[in-house]
Amino acid sequence: MAKSETYINFIVDELLKGNVKHKEVLALCGTKWQLSQRSFNRYWNTANERYKNELQALNEAKQAIHTETEMNTTRANVLSKIQAKEILTTIAQKEQSKSTEKIQAIKALADLEGWNEGKVGEIKGIQFVTFEPQNIQGSEPD
C-alpha cells in the first residue's frame, strides 16, 4: 500500500470514529508522520470524499433493510383475499353467529366476489324511458 493510501485510510478511520475536526486529525498525523499542512489538506479532502461515499452507502443499505422490513410487516398484517373469504364464509355458516353477523358476512362476500355488479334486469349502457299515455284528441279514456 502506498504511503498516501495509508494516510488517507488513517484519516477515514478517524472520521469514522467521530474525530471530524481538521486540527485534531492533523495533530494526530503530525505526531505519527511528518506531513506538511498542504499534503495533509490533500489527503484530508480525499479522505472526506471517501468518508461521504461510505456513509452514503451505509445509509442506502440501512434504508433498503428498513424498507424490506416494513414491506414484510405489512404483508404479514394484511389478509389475502382468499383468507378473507374463508373467514367470512365461516362466519356466515356458523350456527352461533347472530343473523346480523351472517348478513354482514354475506354482503362482504358478495362485494369481494362481485356478485352485486350485474344485477338481474339491469342492462348497462341502455337507458329506458318511461312515458304515460296521454289522451289523444277525439278519444276519451275508458
N, C-alpha and C. Protein backbone atom coordinates (compact mmCIF):
# COMPACT_ATOMS: atom_id res chain seq x y z
N MET A 1 0.86 -1.17 0.00
CA MET A 1 0.00 0.00 0.00
C MET A 1 0.91 1.24 0.00
N ALA A 2 0.54 2.20 -0.82
CA ALA A 2 1.31 3.44 -0.91
C ALA A 2 1.14 4.26 0.36
N LYS A 3 2.11 5.14 0.60
CA LYS A 3 2.04 5.98 1.80
C LYS A 3 0.78 6.84 1.79
N SER A 4 0.46 7.38 0.62
CA SER A 4 -0.73 8.24 0.55
C SER A 4 -1.98 7.48 0.96
N GLU A 5 -2.10 6.20 0.54
CA GLU A 5 -3.25 5.39 0.94
C GLU A 5 -3.27 5.16 2.44
N THR A 6 -2.11 4.98 3.02
CA THR A 6 -2.01 4.80 4.47
C THR A 6 -2.54 6.04 5.18
N TYR A 7 -2.12 7.21 4.71
CA TYR A 7 -2.57 8.47 5.32
C TYR A 7 -4.08 8.64 5.16
N ILE A 8 -4.55 8.39 3.96
CA ILE A 8 -5.98 8.57 3.68
C ILE A 8 -6.81 7.59 4.52
N ASN A 9 -6.39 6.34 4.58
CA ASN A 9 -7.12 5.35 5.38
C ASN A 9 -7.12 5.72 6.86
N PHE A 10 -6.00 6.25 7.34
CA PHE A 10 -5.93 6.69 8.73
C PHE A 10 -6.95 7.81 8.99
N ILE A 11 -6.99 8.77 8.08
CA ILE A 11 -7.93 9.89 8.23
C ILE A 11 -9.37 9.39 8.18
N VAL A 12 -9.67 8.48 7.25
CA VAL A 12 -11.03 7.93 7.15
C VAL A 12 -11.39 7.20 8.45
N ASP A 13 -10.46 6.44 8.99
CA ASP A 13 -10.71 5.75 10.26
C ASP A 13 -11.02 6.73 11.37
N GLU A 14 -10.27 7.82 11.42
CA GLU A 14 -10.53 8.85 12.44
C GLU A 14 -11.91 9.47 12.24
N LEU A 15 -12.29 9.72 11.00
CA LEU A 15 -13.61 10.28 10.73
C LEU A 15 -14.71 9.30 11.17
N LEU A 16 -14.49 8.02 10.90
CA LEU A 16 -15.47 7.01 11.31
C LEU A 16 -15.58 6.89 12.83
N LYS A 17 -14.49 7.17 13.52
CA LYS A 17 -14.50 7.15 14.99
C LYS A 17 -15.23 8.36 15.56
N GLY A 18 -15.47 9.37 14.72
CA GLY A 18 -16.15 10.57 15.19
C GLY A 18 -15.22 11.75 15.35
N ASN A 19 -13.95 11.56 15.08
CA ASN A 19 -12.98 12.65 15.17
C ASN A 19 -13.00 13.40 13.84
N VAL A 20 -13.84 14.44 13.75
CA VAL A 20 -14.06 15.11 12.47
C VAL A 20 -13.44 16.51 12.41
N LYS A 21 -12.69 16.88 13.43
CA LYS A 21 -12.07 18.21 13.42
C LYS A 21 -10.73 18.15 12.72
N HIS A 22 -10.57 19.04 11.77
CA HIS A 22 -9.37 19.10 10.93
C HIS A 22 -8.11 19.21 11.78
N LYS A 23 -8.11 20.12 12.73
CA LYS A 23 -6.91 20.37 13.54
C LYS A 23 -6.53 19.16 14.38
N GLU A 24 -7.52 18.47 14.93
CA GLU A 24 -7.23 17.31 15.78
C GLU A 24 -6.63 16.17 14.97
N VAL A 25 -7.18 15.93 13.80
CA VAL A 25 -6.65 14.85 12.96
C VAL A 25 -5.28 15.24 12.43
N LEU A 26 -5.09 16.51 12.11
CA LEU A 26 -3.77 17.00 11.66
C LEU A 26 -2.74 16.79 12.76
N ALA A 27 -3.13 17.06 13.99
CA ALA A 27 -2.20 16.88 15.12
C ALA A 27 -1.83 15.40 15.27
N LEU A 28 -2.81 14.50 15.11
CA LEU A 28 -2.52 13.07 15.19
C LEU A 28 -1.57 12.63 14.07
N CYS A 29 -1.83 13.13 12.87
CA CYS A 29 -0.97 12.77 11.74
C CYS A 29 0.42 13.38 11.92
N GLY A 30 0.47 14.57 12.47
CA GLY A 30 1.76 15.25 12.67
C GLY A 30 2.62 14.50 13.67
N THR A 31 2.01 13.91 14.69
CA THR A 31 2.80 13.17 15.66
C THR A 31 3.21 11.81 15.11
N LYS A 32 2.38 11.24 14.24
CA LYS A 32 2.66 9.92 13.69
C LYS A 32 3.61 10.00 12.49
N TRP A 33 3.33 10.93 11.59
CA TRP A 33 4.13 11.13 10.39
C TRP A 33 4.45 12.62 10.28
N GLN A 34 5.51 12.92 9.68
CA GLN A 34 5.86 14.33 9.46
C GLN A 34 5.27 14.77 8.13
N LEU A 35 4.00 15.25 8.17
CA LEU A 35 3.31 15.70 6.96
C LEU A 35 3.21 17.21 6.96
N SER A 36 3.36 17.78 5.78
CA SER A 36 3.17 19.23 5.68
C SER A 36 1.68 19.53 5.69
N GLN A 37 1.36 20.77 5.99
CA GLN A 37 -0.05 21.21 6.01
C GLN A 37 -0.69 20.99 4.65
N ARG A 38 0.02 21.31 3.60
CA ARG A 38 -0.51 21.19 2.24
C ARG A 38 -0.78 19.73 1.89
N SER A 39 0.15 18.83 2.20
CA SER A 39 -0.06 17.40 1.92
C SER A 39 -1.23 16.86 2.72
N PHE A 40 -1.27 17.23 4.00
CA PHE A 40 -2.37 16.77 4.84
C PHE A 40 -3.71 17.23 4.27
N ASN A 41 -3.79 18.47 3.79
CA ASN A 41 -5.04 19.00 3.25
C ASN A 41 -5.51 18.18 2.04
N ARG A 42 -4.56 17.79 1.18
CA ARG A 42 -4.92 16.95 0.03
C ARG A 42 -5.48 15.61 0.51
N TYR A 43 -4.79 14.98 1.46
CA TYR A 43 -5.25 13.70 1.99
C TYR A 43 -6.58 13.86 2.72
N TRP A 44 -6.73 14.96 3.45
CA TRP A 44 -7.96 15.26 4.17
C TRP A 44 -9.15 15.34 3.21
N ASN A 45 -8.97 16.05 2.11
CA ASN A 45 -10.07 16.20 1.13
C ASN A 45 -10.42 14.85 0.49
N THR A 46 -9.41 14.08 0.14
CA THR A 46 -9.67 12.76 -0.45
C THR A 46 -10.35 11.85 0.57
N ALA A 47 -9.88 11.86 1.79
CA ALA A 47 -10.46 11.04 2.85
C ALA A 47 -11.91 11.44 3.11
N ASN A 48 -12.19 12.73 3.09
CA ASN A 48 -13.57 13.20 3.31
C ASN A 48 -14.49 12.71 2.20
N GLU A 49 -14.03 12.70 0.97
CA GLU A 49 -14.85 12.18 -0.13
C GLU A 49 -15.15 10.70 0.08
N ARG A 50 -14.14 9.93 0.44
CA ARG A 50 -14.34 8.50 0.70
C ARG A 50 -15.29 8.30 1.87
N TYR A 51 -15.12 9.11 2.90
CA TYR A 51 -15.97 9.02 4.09
C TYR A 51 -17.43 9.29 3.72
N LYS A 52 -17.66 10.32 2.92
CA LYS A 52 -19.02 10.65 2.48
C LYS A 52 -19.61 9.50 1.67
N ASN A 53 -18.80 8.92 0.78
CA ASN A 53 -19.29 7.81 -0.04
C ASN A 53 -19.62 6.59 0.83
N GLU A 54 -18.77 6.31 1.82
CA GLU A 54 -19.03 5.19 2.72
C GLU A 54 -20.30 5.41 3.53
N LEU A 55 -20.48 6.64 4.03
CA LEU A 55 -21.70 6.95 4.80
C LEU A 55 -22.94 6.82 3.92
N GLN A 56 -22.83 7.30 2.69
CA GLN A 56 -23.97 7.21 1.78
C GLN A 56 -24.31 5.75 1.49
N ALA A 57 -23.30 4.93 1.26
CA ALA A 57 -23.54 3.51 1.01
C ALA A 57 -24.17 2.84 2.23
N LEU A 58 -23.68 3.18 3.42
CA LEU A 58 -24.26 2.63 4.65
C LEU A 58 -25.72 3.05 4.82
N ASN A 59 -26.00 4.32 4.58
CA ASN A 59 -27.37 4.81 4.72
C ASN A 59 -28.31 4.16 3.70
N GLU A 60 -27.82 3.95 2.47
CA GLU A 60 -28.65 3.30 1.47
C GLU A 60 -28.93 1.84 1.87
N ALA A 61 -27.91 1.18 2.41
CA ALA A 61 -28.11 -0.21 2.85
C ALA A 61 -29.10 -0.26 4.01
N LYS A 62 -28.97 0.67 4.96
CA LYS A 62 -29.91 0.72 6.09
C LYS A 62 -31.33 0.98 5.59
N GLN A 63 -31.47 1.90 4.64
CA GLN A 63 -32.79 2.23 4.10
C GLN A 63 -33.40 1.02 3.39
N ALA A 64 -32.58 0.29 2.65
CA ALA A 64 -33.08 -0.90 1.96
C ALA A 64 -33.55 -1.95 2.97
N ILE A 65 -32.79 -2.14 4.03
CA ILE A 65 -33.18 -3.11 5.07
C ILE A 65 -34.47 -2.66 5.75
N HIS A 66 -34.56 -1.37 6.06
CA HIS A 66 -35.75 -0.83 6.71
C HIS A 66 -36.98 -0.99 5.81
N THR A 67 -36.81 -0.68 4.53
CA THR A 67 -37.92 -0.79 3.59
C THR A 67 -38.38 -2.24 3.47
N GLU A 68 -37.43 -3.17 3.36
CA GLU A 68 -37.77 -4.59 3.26
C GLU A 68 -38.50 -5.07 4.51
N THR A 69 -38.03 -4.62 5.68
CA THR A 69 -38.67 -5.00 6.93
C THR A 69 -40.10 -4.48 6.99
N GLU A 70 -40.30 -3.23 6.59
CA GLU A 70 -41.64 -2.65 6.59
C GLU A 70 -42.57 -3.39 5.62
N MET A 71 -42.05 -3.73 4.45
CA MET A 71 -42.86 -4.46 3.47
C MET A 71 -43.26 -5.83 4.01
N ASN A 72 -42.33 -6.53 4.65
CA ASN A 72 -42.63 -7.84 5.22
C ASN A 72 -43.67 -7.73 6.33
N THR A 73 -43.54 -6.70 7.16
CA THR A 73 -44.50 -6.48 8.24
C THR A 73 -45.88 -6.20 7.66
N THR A 74 -45.94 -5.38 6.64
CA THR A 74 -47.22 -5.03 6.01
C THR A 74 -47.85 -6.26 5.39
N ARG A 75 -47.04 -7.06 4.68
CA ARG A 75 -47.57 -8.28 4.07
C ARG A 75 -48.11 -9.24 5.12
N ALA A 76 -47.43 -9.32 6.24
CA ALA A 76 -47.84 -10.24 7.30
C ALA A 76 -49.15 -9.79 7.96
N ASN A 77 -49.39 -8.49 7.99
CA ASN A 77 -50.57 -7.96 8.67
C ASN A 77 -51.80 -7.88 7.78
N VAL A 78 -51.64 -8.01 6.49
CA VAL A 78 -52.76 -7.88 5.57
C VAL A 78 -53.26 -9.27 5.19
N LEU A 79 -54.57 -9.44 5.32
CA LEU A 79 -55.18 -10.71 4.91
C LEU A 79 -55.20 -10.80 3.40
N SER A 80 -55.00 -11.99 2.91
CA SER A 80 -55.17 -12.19 1.48
C SER A 80 -56.66 -12.27 1.18
N LYS A 81 -57.01 -12.15 -0.07
CA LYS A 81 -58.41 -12.20 -0.46
C LYS A 81 -59.00 -13.57 -0.12
N ILE A 82 -58.21 -14.61 -0.31
CA ILE A 82 -58.67 -15.98 -0.02
C ILE A 82 -58.92 -16.15 1.48
N GLN A 83 -57.98 -15.62 2.30
CA GLN A 83 -58.16 -15.72 3.75
C GLN A 83 -59.42 -14.98 4.20
N ALA A 84 -59.64 -13.80 3.62
CA ALA A 84 -60.83 -13.02 3.98
C ALA A 84 -62.10 -13.78 3.61
N LYS A 85 -62.10 -14.40 2.43
CA LYS A 85 -63.27 -15.17 2.01
C LYS A 85 -63.52 -16.34 2.96
N GLU A 86 -62.45 -17.01 3.37
CA GLU A 86 -62.60 -18.15 4.28
C GLU A 86 -63.20 -17.71 5.62
N ILE A 87 -62.72 -16.59 6.15
CA ILE A 87 -63.23 -16.09 7.43
C ILE A 87 -64.69 -15.69 7.30
N LEU A 88 -65.02 -14.98 6.22
CA LEU A 88 -66.41 -14.55 6.03
C LEU A 88 -67.34 -15.75 5.82
N THR A 89 -66.87 -16.75 5.10
CA THR A 89 -67.66 -17.96 4.89
C THR A 89 -67.91 -18.68 6.22
N THR A 90 -66.87 -18.74 7.04
CA THR A 90 -67.01 -19.37 8.35
C THR A 90 -68.04 -18.64 9.20
N ILE A 91 -67.99 -17.31 9.19
CA ILE A 91 -68.95 -16.52 9.97
C ILE A 91 -70.37 -16.75 9.45
N ALA A 92 -70.53 -16.77 8.13
CA ALA A 92 -71.86 -16.94 7.54
C ALA A 92 -72.43 -18.33 7.82
N GLN A 93 -71.59 -19.34 7.99
CA GLN A 93 -72.07 -20.70 8.18
C GLN A 93 -72.19 -21.11 9.65
N LYS A 94 -71.58 -20.35 10.56
CA LYS A 94 -71.64 -20.72 11.98
C LYS A 94 -73.06 -20.59 12.50
N GLU A 95 -73.44 -21.58 13.26
CA GLU A 95 -74.76 -21.53 13.87
C GLU A 95 -74.79 -20.57 15.05
N GLN A 96 -73.61 -20.34 15.68
CA GLN A 96 -73.55 -19.45 16.83
C GLN A 96 -73.58 -17.97 16.41
N SER A 97 -73.33 -17.69 15.14
CA SER A 97 -73.32 -16.30 14.69
C SER A 97 -74.73 -15.73 14.70
N LYS A 98 -74.80 -14.47 15.06
CA LYS A 98 -76.09 -13.78 15.02
C LYS A 98 -76.49 -13.60 13.56
N SER A 99 -77.79 -13.41 13.34
CA SER A 99 -78.26 -13.26 11.96
C SER A 99 -77.69 -12.00 11.32
N THR A 100 -77.50 -10.94 12.12
CA THR A 100 -76.93 -9.71 11.55
C THR A 100 -75.47 -9.92 11.13
N GLU A 101 -74.74 -10.71 11.91
CA GLU A 101 -73.35 -11.02 11.55
C GLU A 101 -73.31 -11.83 10.27
N LYS A 102 -74.23 -12.79 10.14
CA LYS A 102 -74.29 -13.61 8.94
C LYS A 102 -74.59 -12.75 7.70
N ILE A 103 -75.55 -11.86 7.86
CA ILE A 103 -75.93 -10.98 6.75
C ILE A 103 -74.76 -10.09 6.34
N GLN A 104 -74.08 -9.53 7.33
CA GLN A 104 -72.92 -8.67 7.02
C GLN A 104 -71.81 -9.47 6.33
N ALA A 105 -71.59 -10.69 6.78
CA ALA A 105 -70.57 -11.53 6.17
C ALA A 105 -70.93 -11.86 4.72
N ILE A 106 -72.20 -12.15 4.49
CA ILE A 106 -72.65 -12.46 3.13
C ILE A 106 -72.54 -11.24 2.23
N LYS A 107 -72.90 -10.06 2.76
CA LYS A 107 -72.75 -8.82 1.98
C LYS A 107 -71.28 -8.57 1.63
N ALA A 108 -70.39 -8.78 2.60
CA ALA A 108 -68.97 -8.59 2.35
C ALA A 108 -68.46 -9.58 1.30
N LEU A 109 -68.91 -10.83 1.39
CA LEU A 109 -68.54 -11.83 0.39
C LEU A 109 -69.04 -11.43 -0.99
N ALA A 110 -70.25 -10.93 -1.03
CA ALA A 110 -70.83 -10.50 -2.31
C ALA A 110 -69.99 -9.38 -2.93
N ASP A 111 -69.53 -8.46 -2.09
CA ASP A 111 -68.69 -7.38 -2.59
C ASP A 111 -67.35 -7.91 -3.09
N LEU A 112 -66.75 -8.83 -2.32
CA LEU A 112 -65.46 -9.41 -2.73
C LEU A 112 -65.57 -10.18 -4.03
N GLU A 113 -66.64 -10.92 -4.18
CA GLU A 113 -66.82 -11.76 -5.36
C GLU A 113 -67.40 -11.00 -6.54
N GLY A 114 -67.94 -9.82 -6.30
CA GLY A 114 -68.52 -9.05 -7.38
C GLY A 114 -69.92 -9.50 -7.76
N TRP A 115 -70.60 -10.10 -6.81
CA TRP A 115 -71.94 -10.60 -7.08
C TRP A 115 -72.92 -9.46 -7.34
N ASN A 116 -72.64 -8.29 -6.83
CA ASN A 116 -73.58 -7.17 -6.96
C ASN A 116 -73.36 -6.34 -8.22
N GLU A 117 -72.36 -6.68 -9.00
CA GLU A 117 -72.02 -5.83 -10.15
C GLU A 117 -73.07 -5.90 -11.25
N GLY A 118 -73.55 -7.04 -11.61
CA GLY A 118 -74.53 -7.15 -12.68
C GLY A 118 -75.84 -7.69 -12.17
N LYS A 119 -76.65 -6.83 -11.61
CA LYS A 119 -77.92 -7.27 -11.03
C LYS A 119 -78.88 -7.69 -12.14
N VAL A 120 -79.78 -8.58 -11.81
CA VAL A 120 -80.75 -9.09 -12.77
C VAL A 120 -81.64 -7.94 -13.24
N GLY A 121 -81.86 -7.87 -14.56
CA GLY A 121 -82.73 -6.84 -15.11
C GLY A 121 -82.00 -5.55 -15.42
N GLU A 122 -80.75 -5.46 -15.08
CA GLU A 122 -80.00 -4.23 -15.32
C GLU A 122 -79.17 -4.42 -16.58
N ILE A 123 -79.34 -3.55 -17.50
CA ILE A 123 -78.56 -3.59 -18.73
C ILE A 123 -77.73 -2.32 -18.76
N LYS A 124 -76.43 -2.51 -18.82
CA LYS A 124 -75.55 -1.35 -18.76
C LYS A 124 -75.48 -0.68 -20.13
N GLY A 125 -75.48 0.64 -20.11
CA GLY A 125 -75.32 1.40 -21.34
C GLY A 125 -76.64 1.74 -22.02
N ILE A 126 -77.73 1.19 -21.55
CA ILE A 126 -79.02 1.46 -22.18
C ILE A 126 -79.92 2.12 -21.14
N GLN A 127 -80.55 3.20 -21.56
CA GLN A 127 -81.48 3.87 -20.66
C GLN A 127 -82.90 3.62 -21.17
N PHE A 128 -83.78 3.32 -20.25
CA PHE A 128 -85.16 3.12 -20.59
C PHE A 128 -85.93 4.38 -20.21
N VAL A 129 -86.77 4.81 -21.12
CA VAL A 129 -87.58 5.99 -20.87
C VAL A 129 -89.01 5.52 -20.65
N THR A 130 -89.58 5.92 -19.55
CA THR A 130 -90.98 5.57 -19.28
C THR A 130 -91.85 6.75 -19.66
N PHE A 131 -92.99 6.47 -20.17
CA PHE A 131 -93.92 7.54 -20.52
C PHE A 131 -95.32 7.11 -20.14
N GLU A 132 -96.12 8.11 -19.93
CA GLU A 132 -97.51 7.83 -19.58
C GLU A 132 -98.38 8.12 -20.80
N PRO A 133 -99.39 7.29 -21.02
CA PRO A 133 -100.26 7.53 -22.18
C PRO A 133 -101.07 8.82 -21.98
N GLN A 134 -101.19 9.53 -23.04
CA GLN A 134 -101.94 10.79 -22.98
C GLN A 134 -103.22 10.63 -23.81
N ASN A 135 -104.15 11.47 -23.48
CA ASN A 135 -105.39 11.45 -24.25
C ASN A 135 -105.11 11.96 -25.66
N ILE A 136 -105.62 11.21 -26.60
CA ILE A 136 -105.50 11.65 -27.99
C ILE A 136 -106.80 12.39 -28.29
N GLN A 137 -106.66 13.46 -29.04
CA GLN A 137 -107.86 14.25 -29.33
C GLN A 137 -108.95 13.39 -29.97
N GLY A 138 -110.05 13.54 -29.49
CA GLY A 138 -111.20 12.83 -30.03
C GLY A 138 -111.48 11.53 -29.33
N SER A 139 -110.59 11.09 -28.46
CA SER A 139 -110.88 9.84 -27.75
C SER A 139 -110.95 10.13 -26.27
N GLU A 140 -111.73 9.37 -25.64
CA GLU A 140 -111.93 9.56 -24.21
C GLU A 140 -111.41 8.35 -23.47
N PRO A 141 -110.88 8.58 -22.29
CA PRO A 141 -110.37 7.43 -21.52
C PRO A 141 -111.49 6.51 -21.09
N ASP A 142 -111.20 5.26 -20.92
CA ASP A 142 -112.19 4.27 -20.50
C ASP A 142 -112.56 4.40 -19.07
